[in-house]
Amino acid sequence: MKICEYCGTQVADDVLQCNGCGSKEFKNICINCRTEFSGKQCPTCNVMVGDKPRVCFNCGKETFAEVCPVCREDIINRKQVEVNNYSTFQPKPKKKVKFIITIIFVVGIVSIITALNSQNKVKNNLSYVDLITMEGHPQFFGDYNEAKKFWKGYKKVEVAYGRGLTSNRDTLLLMTTRNGKKYAITNVTIDLSSVDNKQDIKLDNVLNLICDYIPYDIIDKYYTFKESFHEIHRHENYEAYHYVMVINDEGKNVHNSGERYLESKFAFKIIHRNDNDWIAKMSYLSYEGNHQKFNFNASNYDVENWDVDINKYR
């Protein structure tokens, strides 16, 4: 591009006579920096008349510089340079930045998933003793919602609302509530029927497990021991050990005031049946033996005192 020295009309480089005034005197206009000059080379940026801009092989920017002002690629030597001497420098293209961020994000997600899978693997490979007696687990009369959070991710533990039993034979520990106001845990069931080496389990082993769920601070203050007994069915492979406490006056006052949810009885039972199946249940209903529930069948049971001290399992 060039400009008429007399009238200022701009014309193409190959025009010999001004279309505006007919003059043949022109100055060149630099295609790069728009400087008007005489001669063949721009005194400002050194671009020659007739030069064409280079195209950056990396980002596609057209430029007369040897180094791309956008991505800092050396167009002549096809490499990136560390120093930018051009005032038109801008950061690297967003596409590259987005790609790098995407890679970092994907790697991060994969790492998190791997860590969670590893954590879940550890959770679900614990022995039944280590699982049931895990440090800090919620106890009977504890907060139902806290139990849901604590046992999240443990496949062999079920925390449910309004249910006293589970049909899932893989469930090792069941915790439920039937109290919709305070959401206190009102049932704890430990089912050892499906554990490995159950033939080696003894009464003392099961007693140690269920006593880990006794809130001793509560029963010491608000309950009084009533009885403990052992019932044995004469004809079937069944026996059960029952431990029963009743609420005292202080406990009644606390419950009636709404300070804490308590039940009229605190009880647990340990059932031993069939092929050495052991099930321990801690709930209000555990205070009553089968010989008491089914009076018509009471003669089929032998009942004796069960001499046990639960304090040694604290």
Protein backbone atom coordinates (compact mmCIF):
# COMPACT_ATOMS: atom_id res chain seq x y z
CA MET A 1 0.00 0.00 0.00
CA LYS A 2 1.16 3.57 -0.77
CA ILE A 3 -0.21 7.12 -0.38
CA CYS A 4 -0.21 10.10 -2.75
CA GLU A 5 2.12 12.85 -1.50
CA TYR A 6 -0.22 15.58 -2.80
CA CYS A 7 -3.82 14.52 -2.08
CA GLY A 8 -3.36 11.67 0.40
CA THR A 9 -5.21 9.09 -1.66
CA GLN A 10 -4.20 5.52 -0.80
CA VAL A 11 -3.59 3.16 -3.69
CA ALA A 12 -2.19 -0.30 -4.27
CA ASP A 13 1.55 -0.84 -4.68
CA ASP A 14 1.27 -1.50 -8.44
CA VAL A 15 -0.61 1.75 -9.22
CA LEU A 16 1.63 4.27 -11.03
CA GLN A 17 -0.65 7.32 -11.09
CA CYS A 18 -2.93 8.70 -8.37
CA ASN A 19 -6.59 8.14 -9.05
CA GLY A 20 -7.42 11.33 -7.20
CA CYS A 21 -5.11 13.99 -8.60
CA GLY A 22 -3.04 12.27 -11.29
CA SER A 23 0.25 12.71 -9.41
CA LYS A 24 2.96 10.11 -9.72
CA GLU A 25 4.62 10.95 -6.41
CA PHE A 26 3.91 8.48 -3.67
CA LYS A 27 5.09 7.42 -0.20
CA ASN A 28 4.91 3.84 0.98
CA ILE A 29 2.70 2.77 3.92
CA CYS A 30 4.24 0.04 6.09
CA ILE A 31 1.89 -2.96 6.12
CA ASN A 32 3.13 -3.83 9.61
CA CYS A 33 3.19 -0.57 11.62
CA ARG A 34 1.43 1.86 9.19
CA THR A 35 4.41 4.24 9.10
CA GLU A 36 4.59 6.45 5.93
CA PHE A 37 8.06 6.43 4.39
CA SER A 38 10.07 6.88 1.20
CA GLY A 39 12.33 4.12 -0.01
CA LYS A 40 12.07 0.37 0.20
CA GLN A 41 12.38 -0.26 3.96
CA CYS A 42 10.28 0.99 6.89
CA PRO A 43 12.49 3.06 9.24
CA THR A 44 10.32 2.03 12.22
CA CYS A 45 10.09 -1.77 12.01
CA ASN A 46 12.47 -2.58 9.11
CA VAL A 47 9.77 -4.34 7.06
CA MET A 48 10.57 -4.20 3.33
CA VAL A 49 8.09 -3.09 0.68
CA GLY A 50 6.44 -6.20 -0.73
CA ASP A 51 7.13 -8.34 2.37
CA LYS A 52 4.42 -10.79 3.37
CA PRO A 53 3.67 -11.65 7.02
CA ARG A 54 4.91 -14.95 8.41
CA VAL A 55 2.36 -17.44 9.78
CA CYS A 56 3.15 -18.92 13.22
CA PHE A 57 3.21 -22.71 12.84
CA ASN A 58 2.05 -23.09 16.46
CA CYS A 59 -0.95 -20.74 16.85
CA GLY A 60 -1.57 -19.44 13.29
CA LYS A 61 -0.88 -15.78 14.12
CA GLU A 62 0.30 -13.68 11.14
CA THR A 63 3.27 -11.48 12.05
CA PHE A 64 6.35 -9.81 10.52
CA ALA A 65 8.39 -10.59 13.66
CA GLU A 66 10.71 -13.56 13.92
CA VAL A 67 9.11 -14.49 17.28
CA CYS A 68 5.34 -14.85 17.54
CA PRO A 69 3.94 -12.09 19.77
CA VAL A 70 1.14 -14.43 20.96
CA CYS A 71 2.76 -17.74 21.86
CA ARG A 72 6.45 -16.76 21.80
CA GLU A 73 7.40 -19.38 19.23
CA ASP A 74 10.54 -18.71 17.19
CA ILE A 75 9.01 -18.80 13.71
CA ILE A 76 12.36 -18.90 11.95
CA ASN A 77 13.95 -21.69 14.01
CA ARG A 78 10.66 -23.34 15.03
CA LYS A 79 11.22 -23.34 18.79
CA GLN A 80 9.96 -21.47 21.84
CA VAL A 81 12.06 -18.59 23.18
CA GLU A 82 12.33 -17.32 26.76
CA VAL A 83 12.48 -13.58 26.10
CA ASN A 84 9.77 -11.57 24.43
CA ASN A 85 10.89 -8.33 22.84
CA TYR A 86 7.54 -7.36 21.43
CA SER A 87 5.02 -5.17 23.12
CA THR A 88 2.19 -7.21 21.60
CA PHE A 89 3.06 -10.32 23.72
CA GLN A 90 0.11 -12.27 25.14
CA PRO A 91 -0.12 -15.50 27.20
CA LYS A 92 -0.08 -18.91 25.53
CA PRO A 93 -3.22 -20.00 23.74
CA LYS A 94 -6.09 -21.02 25.98
CA LYS A 95 -6.39 -24.39 24.26
CA LYS A 96 -3.03 -25.52 25.65
CA VAL A 97 -3.83 -24.25 29.12
CA LYS A 98 -7.20 -26.00 29.09
CA PHE A 99 -5.57 -29.22 27.95
CA ILE A 100 -3.05 -29.11 30.80
CA ILE A 101 -5.77 -28.30 33.34
CA THR A 102 -7.86 -31.18 32.00
CA ILE A 103 -4.94 -33.60 32.38
CA ILE A 104 -4.33 -32.43 35.97
CA PHE A 105 -8.04 -32.74 36.77
CA VAL A 106 -8.28 -36.27 35.34
CA VAL A 107 -5.17 -37.39 37.23
CA GLY A 108 -6.62 -35.90 40.42
CA ILE A 109 -9.95 -37.68 39.98
CA VAL A 110 -8.24 -40.99 39.27
CA SER A 111 -6.11 -40.57 42.40
CA ILE A 112 -9.19 -39.83 44.52
CA ILE A 113 -11.08 -42.83 43.14
CA THR A 114 -8.07 -45.08 43.74
CA ALA A 115 -7.76 -43.83 47.31
CA LEU A 116 -11.49 -44.37 47.97
CA ASN A 117 -11.39 -47.87 46.49
CA SER A 118 -8.40 -48.69 48.65
CA GLN A 119 -10.19 -47.31 51.71
CA ASN A 120 -13.34 -49.31 50.95
CA LYS A 121 -11.25 -52.43 50.46
CA VAL A 122 -9.75 -51.99 53.91
CA LYS A 123 -13.21 -51.33 55.40
CA ASN A 124 -14.70 -54.49 53.98
CA ASN A 125 -11.77 -56.82 54.73
CA LEU A 126 -11.82 -56.38 58.50
CA SER A 127 -12.40 -59.42 60.69
CA TYR A 128 -15.80 -59.56 62.35
CA VAL A 129 -14.24 -58.80 65.74
CA ASP A 130 -12.30 -55.77 64.46
CA LEU A 131 -15.38 -54.48 62.67
CA ILE A 132 -17.83 -54.83 65.55
CA THR A 133 -15.44 -53.44 68.17
CA MET A 134 -14.15 -50.58 66.02
CA GLU A 135 -12.96 -47.72 68.18
CA GLY A 136 -15.42 -44.86 68.57
CA HIS A 137 -18.48 -46.69 67.22
CA PRO A 138 -21.95 -45.47 68.38
CA GLN A 139 -23.56 -47.35 71.27
CA PHE A 140 -27.11 -48.18 72.31
CA PHE A 141 -29.17 -45.02 72.95
CA GLY A 142 -26.62 -43.21 70.75
CA ASP A 143 -27.46 -40.87 67.88
CA TYR A 144 -28.96 -42.67 64.88
CA ASN A 145 -27.72 -40.08 62.37
CA GLU A 146 -24.19 -40.27 63.74
CA ALA A 147 -24.35 -44.05 63.34
CA LYS A 148 -25.34 -43.60 59.68
CA LYS A 149 -22.27 -41.43 59.10
CA PHE A 150 -19.90 -43.65 61.10
CA TRP A 151 -20.82 -46.89 59.33
CA LYS A 152 -21.08 -45.45 55.81
CA GLY A 153 -19.25 -47.67 53.31
CA TYR A 154 -19.23 -50.82 55.50
CA LYS A 155 -21.09 -53.48 53.53
CA LYS A 156 -21.62 -55.78 56.51
CA VAL A 157 -23.19 -53.06 58.66
CA GLU A 158 -26.76 -51.86 58.22
CA VAL A 159 -28.20 -48.76 59.92
CA ALA A 160 -31.94 -48.51 59.30
CA TYR A 161 -35.00 -46.64 60.55
CA GLY A 162 -38.03 -48.36 61.99
CA ARG A 163 -36.82 -51.94 61.52
CA GLY A 164 -35.88 -54.43 64.16
CA LEU A 165 -34.75 -57.29 61.94
CA THR A 166 -32.85 -57.74 58.70
CA SER A 167 -33.33 -60.37 56.01
CA ASN A 168 -29.84 -59.87 54.67
CA ARG A 169 -27.71 -62.79 55.83
CA ASP A 170 -24.54 -60.92 54.97
CA THR A 171 -25.31 -58.24 57.57
CA LEU A 172 -23.02 -58.68 60.54
CA LEU A 173 -24.17 -55.67 62.56
CA LEU A 174 -27.61 -54.04 62.48
CA MET A 175 -28.48 -50.78 64.25
CA THR A 176 -32.00 -49.32 64.12
CA THR A 177 -34.22 -46.71 65.74
CA ARG A 178 -37.95 -46.71 66.27
CA ASN A 179 -38.02 -43.37 68.04
CA GLY A 180 -38.87 -40.70 65.47
CA LYS A 181 -38.39 -37.73 67.79
CA LYS A 182 -34.96 -38.17 69.31
CA TYR A 183 -33.56 -40.67 66.77
CA ALA A 184 -31.91 -42.71 69.51
CA ILE A 185 -30.56 -46.15 68.64
CA THR A 186 -33.04 -48.62 70.13
CA ASN A 187 -31.83 -51.89 68.62
CA VAL A 188 -28.41 -53.45 68.12
CA THR A 189 -28.19 -56.89 66.53
CA ILE A 190 -24.95 -58.81 66.03
CA ASP A 191 -25.43 -61.84 63.77
CA LEU A 192 -22.51 -64.26 63.70
CA SER A 193 -24.38 -66.99 61.84
CA SER A 194 -22.37 -66.56 58.64
CA VAL A 195 -18.89 -65.78 59.96
CA ASP A 196 -15.92 -68.04 59.27
CA ASN A 197 -14.80 -70.44 62.01
CA LYS A 198 -18.05 -69.96 63.92
CA GLN A 199 -17.51 -73.38 65.51
CA ASP A 200 -14.78 -71.77 67.63
CA ILE A 201 -17.06 -69.06 69.03
CA LYS A 202 -17.93 -69.29 72.72
CA LEU A 203 -20.46 -67.46 74.89
CA ASP A 204 -17.78 -65.24 76.38
CA ASN A 205 -16.72 -64.10 72.88
CA VAL A 206 -20.27 -63.00 72.01
CA LEU A 207 -20.77 -61.39 75.43
CA ASN A 208 -17.63 -59.35 74.92
CA LEU A 209 -18.96 -58.08 71.57
CA ILE A 210 -22.45 -57.08 72.70
CA CYS A 211 -21.16 -55.44 75.88
CA ASP A 212 -19.10 -53.13 73.69
CA TYR A 213 -22.43 -51.46 72.80
CA ILE A 214 -23.60 -50.93 76.38
CA PRO A 215 -23.71 -47.22 77.38
CA TYR A 216 -22.39 -47.87 80.88
CA ASP A 217 -22.60 -44.19 81.85
CA ILE A 218 -26.35 -44.27 81.17
CA ILE A 219 -27.27 -47.59 82.74
CA ASP A 220 -25.16 -46.91 85.84
CA LYS A 221 -27.14 -43.72 86.48
CA TYR A 222 -30.63 -44.43 85.25
CA TYR A 223 -31.17 -48.21 85.53
CA THR A 224 -31.29 -50.88 88.23
CA PHE A 225 -30.42 -54.53 87.69
CA LYS A 226 -33.45 -56.85 87.73
CA GLU A 227 -32.43 -60.33 86.58
CA SER A 228 -30.29 -62.47 84.30
CA PHE A 229 -31.38 -65.93 83.27
CA HIS A 230 -30.57 -68.78 80.90
CA GLU A 231 -33.38 -70.65 79.10
CA ILE A 232 -32.88 -73.94 77.25
CA HIS A 233 -35.38 -75.65 74.99
CA ARG A 234 -35.66 -79.30 75.92
CA HIS A 235 -36.33 -80.66 72.45
CA GLU A 236 -34.84 -78.17 70.00
CA ASN A 237 -31.31 -76.91 69.52
CA TYR A 238 -31.97 -73.54 71.15
CA GLU A 239 -30.79 -71.65 74.22
CA ALA A 240 -30.72 -67.97 75.15
CA TYR A 241 -29.05 -65.81 77.80
CA HIS A 242 -30.98 -62.73 78.99
CA TYR A 243 -29.79 -59.71 80.96
CA VAL A 244 -32.46 -57.26 82.20
CA MET A 245 -32.43 -53.85 83.92
CA VAL A 246 -35.35 -51.52 84.74
CA ILE A 247 -35.41 -47.74 84.69
CA ASN A 248 -35.13 -46.00 88.09
CA ASP A 249 -36.87 -42.83 89.29
CA GLU A 250 -34.09 -40.55 88.12
CA GLY A 251 -34.24 -42.12 84.68
CA LYS A 252 -38.02 -41.65 84.51
CA ASN A 253 -37.63 -37.95 85.36
CA VAL A 254 -34.97 -37.47 82.68
CA HIS A 255 -37.07 -39.24 80.06
CA ASN A 256 -40.27 -37.36 80.96
CA SER A 257 -38.45 -34.00 80.83
CA GLY A 258 -37.37 -34.71 77.26
CA GLU A 259 -33.69 -34.33 78.16
CA ARG A 260 -32.89 -37.78 76.82
CA TYR A 261 -34.78 -40.70 75.34
CA LEU A 262 -34.82 -43.73 77.66
CA GLU A 263 -36.91 -46.88 77.69
CA SER A 264 -38.56 -48.58 80.66
CA LYS A 265 -36.14 -51.49 80.39
CA PHE A 266 -32.59 -51.98 79.21
CA ALA A 267 -31.95 -55.56 78.11
CA PHE A 268 -29.96 -57.79 75.83
CA LYS A 269 -30.03 -61.48 74.96
CA ILE A 270 -27.61 -63.89 73.34
CA ILE A 271 -29.16 -66.68 71.27
CA HIS A 272 -27.29 -69.92 70.55
CA ARG A 273 -29.01 -72.28 68.12
CA ASN A 274 -28.70 -74.79 65.29
CA ASP A 275 -25.16 -75.41 64.08
CA ASN A 276 -23.44 -73.04 66.51
CA ASP A 277 -25.26 -69.94 65.26
CA TRP A 278 -24.78 -67.00 67.62
CA ILE A 279 -27.00 -63.90 67.57
CA ALA A 280 -26.89 -61.09 70.14
CA LYS A 281 -29.74 -58.58 70.42
CA MET A 282 -29.88 -55.45 72.52
CA SER A 283 -33.38 -53.93 72.66
CA TYR A 284 -36.35 -53.29 74.91
CA LEU A 285 -37.94 -56.60 73.82
CA SER A 286 -34.94 -58.66 74.90
CA TYR A 287 -36.07 -58.64 78.53
CA GLU A 288 -38.55 -61.46 77.89
CA GLY A 289 -37.62 -65.09 77.24
CA ASN A 290 -39.51 -67.46 74.96
CA HIS A 291 -40.85 -69.33 77.99
CA GLN A 292 -42.50 -66.04 79.04
CA LYS A 293 -43.72 -65.00 75.59
CA PHE A 294 -45.33 -68.32 74.80
CA ASN A 295 -46.90 -69.54 78.03
CA PHE A 296 -48.50 -72.49 76.27
CA ASN A 297 -44.99 -73.70 75.44
CA ALA A 298 -43.29 -72.81 78.73
CA SER A 299 -43.03 -76.43 79.84
CA ASN A 300 -40.60 -77.08 76.98
CA TYR A 301 -38.00 -74.79 78.55
CA ASP A 302 -35.64 -75.19 81.44
CA VAL A 303 -34.81 -71.86 83.05
CA GLU A 304 -31.93 -71.17 85.42
CA ASN A 305 -30.12 -68.18 86.85
CA TRP A 306 -27.29 -66.78 84.72
CA ASP A 307 -24.50 -65.57 86.93
CA VAL A 308 -22.77 -62.87 84.87
CA ASP A 309 -20.96 -59.63 85.66
CA ILE A 310 -21.11 -57.27 82.67
CA ASN A 311 -18.81 -54.77 84.38
CA LYS A 312 -15.77 -56.87 83.55
CA TYR A 313 -16.44 -56.19 79.85
CA ARG A 314 -16.34 -52.40 80.17
